[in-house]
Amino acid sequence: MSDGERLVWAATYALVFDRSGDAVCAARSAAFAVEGLRSAGQQKLSTGGHALAQIDARDFLDEIVNVP
């Protein structure tokens, strides 16, 4: 797991746990958030090409987290 993935997971977990108080629900939500961001790098355009050409999912998440 990359640093970006850890940050996304931790932030999502903290938000959901704070709202619901349910650790299981928070862990599932955090896992879905990371998985959703991983899949975003694999989305295809209507032209058939990838939305983000030649992207590594780990780099993609790290870039999202590092943007000010």
PDB file of N, CA and C in Angstrom:
ATOM      1  N   MET A   1       0.850  -1.168   0.000  1.00  0.00           N
ATOM      2  CA  MET A   1       0.000   0.000   0.000  1.00  0.00           C
ATOM      3  C   MET A   1       0.897   1.233   0.000  1.00  0.00           C
ATOM      4  N   SER A   2       0.598   2.166  -0.885  1.00  0.00           N
ATOM      5  CA  SER A   2       1.425   3.372  -0.998  1.00  0.00           C
ATOM      6  C   SER A   2       1.035   4.391   0.074  1.00  0.00           C
ATOM      7  N   ASP A   3       1.834   5.441   0.195  1.00  0.00           N
ATOM      8  CA  ASP A   3       1.537   6.491   1.166  1.00  0.00           C
ATOM      9  C   ASP A   3       0.206   7.164   0.843  1.00  0.00           C
ATOM     10  N   GLY A   4      -0.055   7.371  -0.446  1.00  0.00           N
ATOM     11  CA  GLY A   4      -1.313   7.983  -0.852  1.00  0.00           C
ATOM     12  C   GLY A   4      -2.507   7.137  -0.458  1.00  0.00           C
ATOM     13  N   GLU A   5      -2.383   5.838  -0.663  1.00  0.00           N
ATOM     14  CA  GLU A   5      -3.454   4.921  -0.282  1.00  0.00           C
ATOM     15  C   GLU A   5      -3.684   4.941   1.222  1.00  0.00           C
ATOM     16  N   ARG A   6      -2.613   4.973   1.977  1.00  0.00           N
ATOM     17  CA  ARG A   6      -2.734   5.019   3.445  1.00  0.00           C
ATOM     18  C   ARG A   6      -3.444   6.290   3.905  1.00  0.00           C
ATOM     19  N   LEU A   7      -3.103   7.408   3.279  1.00  0.00           N
ATOM     20  CA  LEU A   7      -3.714   8.675   3.652  1.00  0.00           C
ATOM     21  C   LEU A   7      -5.203   8.704   3.315  1.00  0.00           C
ATOM     22  N   VAL A   8      -5.554   8.217   2.134  1.00  0.00           N
ATOM     23  CA  VAL A   8      -6.961   8.156   1.732  1.00  0.00           C
ATOM     24  C   VAL A   8      -7.716   7.227   2.673  1.00  0.00           C
ATOM     25  N   TRP A   9      -7.134   6.069   2.974  1.00  0.00           N
ATOM     26  CA  TRP A   9      -7.786   5.105   3.853  1.00  0.00           C
ATOM     27  C   TRP A   9      -8.008   5.715   5.235  1.00  0.00           C
ATOM     28  N   ALA A  10      -6.960   6.328   5.785  1.00  0.00           N
ATOM     29  CA  ALA A  10      -7.050   6.880   7.139  1.00  0.00           C
ATOM     30  C   ALA A  10      -8.057   8.023   7.221  1.00  0.00           C
ATOM     31  N   ALA A  11      -8.058   8.900   6.230  1.00  0.00           N
ATOM     32  CA  ALA A  11      -8.985  10.032   6.245  1.00  0.00           C
ATOM     33  C   ALA A  11     -10.431   9.547   6.132  1.00  0.00           C
ATOM     34  N   THR A  12     -10.670   8.606   5.231  1.00  0.00           N
ATOM     35  CA  THR A  12     -12.025   8.077   5.067  1.00  0.00           C
ATOM     36  C   THR A  12     -12.477   7.356   6.327  1.00  0.00           C
ATOM     37  N   TYR A  13     -11.609   6.537   6.890  1.00  0.00           N
ATOM     38  CA  TYR A  13     -11.946   5.812   8.115  1.00  0.00           C
ATOM     39  C   TYR A  13     -12.315   6.798   9.222  1.00  0.00           C
ATOM     40  N   ALA A  14     -11.498   7.827   9.395  1.00  0.00           N
ATOM     41  CA  ALA A  14     -11.737   8.787  10.474  1.00  0.00           C
ATOM     42  C   ALA A  14     -13.073   9.511  10.295  1.00  0.00           C
ATOM     43  N   LEU A  15     -13.370   9.916   9.065  1.00  0.00           N
ATOM     44  CA  LEU A  15     -14.636  10.621   8.815  1.00  0.00           C
ATOM     45  C   LEU A  15     -15.846   9.738   9.087  1.00  0.00           C
ATOM     46  N   VAL A  16     -15.814   8.526   8.560  1.00  0.00           N
ATOM     47  CA  VAL A  16     -16.967   7.632   8.727  1.00  0.00           C
ATOM     48  C   VAL A  16     -17.099   7.190  10.182  1.00  0.00           C
ATOM     49  N   PHE A  17     -15.989   6.889  10.835  1.00  0.00           N
ATOM     50  CA  PHE A  17     -16.056   6.473  12.237  1.00  0.00           C
ATOM     51  C   PHE A  17     -16.596   7.601  13.111  1.00  0.00           C
ATOM     52  N   ASP A  18     -16.187   8.834  12.809  1.00  0.00           N
ATOM     53  CA  ASP A  18     -16.667   9.990  13.575  1.00  0.00           C
ATOM     54  C   ASP A  18     -18.174  10.165  13.406  1.00  0.00           C
ATOM     55  N   ARG A  19     -18.677   9.904  12.212  1.00  0.00           N
ATOM     56  CA  ARG A  19     -20.110  10.086  11.949  1.00  0.00           C
ATOM     57  C   ARG A  19     -20.964   8.934  12.461  1.00  0.00           C
ATOM     58  N   SER A  20     -20.456   7.704  12.309  1.00  0.00           N
ATOM     59  CA  SER A  20     -21.295   6.551  12.644  1.00  0.00           C
ATOM     60  C   SER A  20     -20.911   5.871  13.955  1.00  0.00           C
ATOM     61  N   GLY A  21     -19.656   5.939  14.331  1.00  0.00           N
ATOM     62  CA  GLY A  21     -19.189   5.246  15.522  1.00  0.00           C
ATOM     63  C   GLY A  21     -19.026   3.756  15.318  1.00  0.00           C
ATOM     64  N   ASP A  22     -19.176   3.296  14.079  1.00  0.00           N
ATOM     65  CA  ASP A  22     -19.089   1.877  13.753  1.00  0.00           C
ATOM     66  C   ASP A  22     -17.765   1.602  13.039  1.00  0.00           C
ATOM     67  N   ALA A  23     -16.860   0.874  13.686  1.00  0.00           N
ATOM     68  CA  ALA A  23     -15.544   0.614  13.126  1.00  0.00           C
ATOM     69  C   ALA A  23     -15.606  -0.250  11.870  1.00  0.00           C
ATOM     70  N   VAL A  24     -16.507  -1.206  11.823  1.00  0.00           N
ATOM     71  CA  VAL A  24     -16.624  -2.088  10.658  1.00  0.00           C
ATOM     72  C   VAL A  24     -17.094  -1.289   9.449  1.00  0.00           C
ATOM     73  N   CYS A  25     -18.086  -0.466   9.632  1.00  0.00           N
ATOM     74  CA  CYS A  25     -18.596   0.384   8.554  1.00  0.00           C
ATOM     75  C   CYS A  25     -17.503   1.337   8.078  1.00  0.00           C
ATOM     76  N   ALA A  26     -16.741   1.890   8.995  1.00  0.00           N
ATOM     77  CA  ALA A  26     -15.667   2.816   8.645  1.00  0.00           C
ATOM     78  C   ALA A  26     -14.569   2.116   7.844  1.00  0.00           C
ATOM     79  N   ALA A  27     -14.208   0.902   8.239  1.00  0.00           N
ATOM     80  CA  ALA A  27     -13.177   0.159   7.526  1.00  0.00           C
ATOM     81  C   ALA A  27     -13.636  -0.202   6.112  1.00  0.00           C
ATOM     82  N   ARG A  28     -14.891  -0.596   5.979  1.00  0.00           N
ATOM     83  CA  ARG A  28     -15.420  -0.916   4.643  1.00  0.00           C
ATOM     84  C   ARG A  28     -15.444   0.315   3.755  1.00  0.00           C
ATOM     85  N   SER A  29     -15.879   1.433   4.289  1.00  0.00           N
ATOM     86  CA  SER A  29     -15.929   2.669   3.513  1.00  0.00           C
ATOM     87  C   SER A  29     -14.534   3.099   3.069  1.00  0.00           C
ATOM     88  N   ALA A  30     -13.573   2.962   3.954  1.00  0.00           N
ATOM     89  CA  ALA A  30     -12.201   3.324   3.617  1.00  0.00           C
ATOM     90  C   ALA A  30     -11.658   2.429   2.507  1.00  0.00           C
ATOM     91  N   ALA A  31     -11.940   1.143   2.584  1.00  0.00           N
ATOM     92  CA  ALA A  31     -11.482   0.217   1.546  1.00  0.00           C
ATOM     93  C   ALA A  31     -12.138   0.530   0.205  1.00  0.00           C
ATOM     94  N   PHE A  32     -13.431   0.863   0.227  1.00  0.00           N
ATOM     95  CA  PHE A  32     -14.132   1.232  -1.011  1.00  0.00           C
ATOM     96  C   PHE A  32     -13.574   2.519  -1.602  1.00  0.00           C
ATOM     97  N   ALA A  33     -13.185   3.474  -0.761  1.00  0.00           N
ATOM     98  CA  ALA A  33     -12.624   4.728  -1.253  1.00  0.00           C
ATOM     99  C   ALA A  33     -11.303   4.491  -1.978  1.00  0.00           C
ATOM    100  N   VAL A  34     -10.436   3.690  -1.396  1.00  0.00           N
ATOM    101  CA  VAL A  34      -9.151   3.386  -2.033  1.00  0.00           C
ATOM    102  C   VAL A  34      -9.370   2.618  -3.330  1.00  0.00           C
ATOM    103  N   GLU A  35     -10.265   1.652  -3.306  1.00  0.00           N
ATOM    104  CA  GLU A  35     -10.553   0.868  -4.507  1.00  0.00           C
ATOM    105  C   GLU A  35     -11.134   1.751  -5.611  1.00  0.00           C
ATOM    106  N   GLY A  36     -11.985   2.682  -5.246  1.00  0.00           N
ATOM    107  CA  GLY A  36     -12.568   3.596  -6.221  1.00  0.00           C
ATOM    108  C   GLY A  36     -11.523   4.482  -6.875  1.00  0.00           C
ATOM    109  N   LEU A  37     -10.581   4.953  -6.083  1.00  0.00           N
ATOM    110  CA  LEU A  37      -9.515   5.772  -6.656  1.00  0.00           C
ATOM    111  C   LEU A  37      -8.583   4.951  -7.535  1.00  0.00           C
ATOM    112  N   ARG A  38      -8.334   3.714  -7.147  1.00  0.00           N
ATOM    113  CA  ARG A  38      -7.515   2.835  -7.992  1.00  0.00           C
ATOM    114  C   ARG A  38      -8.182   2.615  -9.344  1.00  0.00           C
ATOM    115  N   SER A  39      -9.487   2.390  -9.334  1.00  0.00           N
ATOM    116  CA  SER A  39     -10.194   2.110 -10.583  1.00  0.00           C
ATOM    117  C   SER A  39     -10.328   3.352 -11.457  1.00  0.00           C
ATOM    118  N   ALA A  40     -10.265   4.540 -10.868  1.00  0.00           N
ATOM    119  CA  ALA A  40     -10.377   5.773 -11.652  1.00  0.00           C
ATOM    120  C   ALA A  40      -9.258   5.880 -12.681  1.00  0.00           C
ATOM    121  N   GLY A  41      -8.111   5.372 -12.355  1.00  0.00           N
ATOM    122  CA  GLY A  41      -6.991   5.397 -13.295  1.00  0.00           C
ATOM    123  C   GLY A  41      -7.148   4.425 -14.444  1.00  0.00           C
ATOM    124  N   GLN A  42      -8.097   3.519 -14.341  1.00  0.00           N
ATOM    125  CA  GLN A  42      -8.310   2.506 -15.377  1.00  0.00           C
ATOM    126  C   GLN A  42      -9.524   2.795 -16.254  1.00  0.00           C
ATOM    127  N   GLN A  43     -10.231   3.887 -16.014  1.00  0.00           N
ATOM    128  CA  GLN A  43     -11.432   4.198 -16.782  1.00  0.00           C
ATOM    129  C   GLN A  43     -11.082   4.503 -18.230  1.00  0.00           C
ATOM    130  N   LYS A  44     -11.974   4.091 -19.127  1.00  0.00           N
ATOM    131  CA  LYS A  44     -11.765   4.325 -20.550  1.00  0.00           C
ATOM    132  C   LYS A  44     -12.693   5.421 -21.055  1.00  0.00           C
ATOM    133  N   LEU A  45     -12.200   6.157 -22.046  1.00  0.00           N
ATOM    134  CA  LEU A  45     -12.990   7.193 -22.692  1.00  0.00           C
ATOM    135  C   LEU A  45     -13.859   6.573 -23.771  1.00  0.00           C
ATOM    136  N   SER A  46     -14.783   7.349 -24.296  1.00  0.00           N
ATOM    137  CA  SER A  46     -15.639   6.838 -25.370  1.00  0.00           C
ATOM    138  C   SER A  46     -14.829   6.523 -26.632  1.00  0.00           C
ATOM    139  N   THR A  47     -13.640   7.114 -26.751  1.00  0.00           N
ATOM    140  CA  THR A  47     -12.772   6.842 -27.901  1.00  0.00           C
ATOM    141  C   THR A  47     -12.046   5.511 -27.759  1.00  0.00           C
ATOM    142  N   GLY A  48     -12.125   4.907 -26.603  1.00  0.00           N
ATOM    143  CA  GLY A  48     -11.491   3.615 -26.368  1.00  0.00           C
ATOM    144  C   GLY A  48     -10.182   3.698 -25.616  1.00  0.00           C
ATOM    145  N   GLY A  49      -9.598   4.886 -25.522  1.00  0.00           N
ATOM    146  CA  GLY A  49      -8.343   5.052 -24.789  1.00  0.00           C
ATOM    147  C   GLY A  49      -8.595   5.233 -23.303  1.00  0.00           C
ATOM    148  N   HIS A  50      -7.554   5.091 -22.544  1.00  0.00           N
ATOM    149  CA  HIS A  50      -7.672   5.276 -21.086  1.00  0.00           C
ATOM    150  C   HIS A  50      -7.786   6.758 -20.758  1.00  0.00           C
ATOM    151  N   ALA A  51      -8.560   7.056 -19.733  1.00  0.00           N
ATOM    152  CA  ALA A  51      -8.745   8.439 -19.294  1.00  0.00           C
ATOM    153  C   ALA A  51      -7.407   9.035 -18.855  1.00  0.00           C
ATOM    154  N   LEU A  52      -6.618   8.244 -18.214  1.00  0.00           N
ATOM    155  CA  LEU A  52      -5.287   8.665 -17.800  1.00  0.00           C
ATOM    156  C   LEU A  52      -4.290   7.700 -18.422  1.00  0.00           C
ATOM    157  N   ALA A  53      -3.618   8.143 -19.454  1.00  0.00           N
ATOM    158  CA  ALA A  53      -2.739   7.262 -20.216  1.00  0.00           C
ATOM    159  C   ALA A  53      -1.548   6.791 -19.392  1.00  0.00           C
ATOM    160  N   GLN A  54      -1.295   5.495 -19.439  1.00  0.00           N
ATOM    161  CA  GLN A  54      -0.131   4.859 -18.823  1.00  0.00           C
ATOM    162  C   GLN A  54       0.085   5.307 -17.381  1.00  0.00           C
ATOM    163  N   ILE A  55      -0.906   5.099 -16.570  1.00  0.00           N
ATOM    164  CA  ILE A  55      -0.799   5.519 -15.170  1.00  0.00           C
ATOM    165  C   ILE A  55      -0.701   4.303 -14.256  1.00  0.00           C
ATOM    166  N   ASP A  56       0.132   4.431 -13.276  1.00  0.00           N
ATOM    167  CA  ASP A  56       0.235   3.418 -12.235  1.00  0.00           C
ATOM    168  C   ASP A  56      -0.695   3.867 -11.103  1.00  0.00           C
ATOM    169  N   ALA A  57      -1.553   2.987 -10.649  1.00  0.00           N
ATOM    170  CA  ALA A  57      -2.551   3.351  -9.641  1.00  0.00           C
ATOM    171  C   ALA A  57      -1.907   3.939  -8.394  1.00  0.00           C
ATOM    172  N   ARG A  58      -0.764   3.444  -8.007  1.00  0.00           N
ATOM    173  CA  ARG A  58      -0.111   3.972  -6.811  1.00  0.00           C
ATOM    174  C   ARG A  58       0.357   5.409  -7.023  1.00  0.00           C
ATOM    175  N   ASP A  59       0.909   5.691  -8.195  1.00  0.00           N
ATOM    176  CA  ASP A  59       1.317   7.060  -8.492  1.00  0.00           C
ATOM    177  C   ASP A  59       0.111   7.984  -8.535  1.00  0.00           C
ATOM    178  N   PHE A  60      -0.992   7.495  -9.079  1.00  0.00           N
ATOM    179  CA  PHE A  60      -2.212   8.283  -9.182  1.00  0.00           C
ATOM    180  C   PHE A  60      -2.687   8.713  -7.799  1.00  0.00           C
ATOM    181  N   LEU A  61      -2.747   7.795  -6.874  1.00  0.00           N
ATOM    182  CA  LEU A  61      -3.187   8.126  -5.515  1.00  0.00           C
ATOM    183  C   LEU A  61      -2.214   9.058  -4.820  1.00  0.00           C
ATOM    184  N   ASP A  62      -0.924   8.831  -5.021  1.00  0.00           N
ATOM    185  CA  ASP A  62       0.068   9.706  -4.397  1.00  0.00           C
ATOM    186  C   ASP A  62      -0.044  11.127  -4.925  1.00  0.00           C
ATOM    187  N   GLU A  63      -0.321  11.289  -6.218  1.00  0.00           N
ATOM    188  CA  GLU A  63      -0.485  12.615  -6.796  1.00  0.00           C
ATOM    189  C   GLU A  63      -1.701  13.319  -6.214  1.00  0.00           C
ATOM    190  N   ILE A  64      -2.791  12.608  -6.032  1.00  0.00           N
ATOM    191  CA  ILE A  64      -4.005  13.204  -5.469  1.00  0.00           C
ATOM    192  C   ILE A  64      -3.716  13.721  -4.061  1.00  0.00           C
ATOM    193  N   VAL A  65      -3.020  12.958  -3.292  1.00  0.00           N
ATOM    194  CA  VAL A  65      -2.753  13.326  -1.908  1.00  0.00           C
ATOM    195  C   VAL A  65      -1.760  14.476  -1.823  1.00  0.00           C
ATOM    196  N   ASN A  66      -0.802  14.547  -2.755  1.00  0.00           N
ATOM    197  CA  ASN A  66       0.242  15.565  -2.700  1.00  0.00           C
ATOM    198  C   ASN A  66      -0.164  16.901  -3.302  1.00  0.00           C
ATOM    199  N   VAL A  67      -1.304  16.977  -3.965  1.00  0.00           N
ATOM    200  CA  VAL A  67      -1.742  18.247  -4.546  1.00  0.00           C
ATOM    201  C   VAL A  67      -2.157  19.182  -3.417  1.00  0.00           C
ATOM    202  N   PRO A  68      -1.617  20.405  -3.400  1.00  0.00           N
ATOM    203  CA  PRO A  68      -1.965  21.332  -2.309  1.00  0.00           C
ATOM    204  C   PRO A  68      -3.399  21.799  -2.374  1.00  0.00           C
TER     205      PRO A  68
END
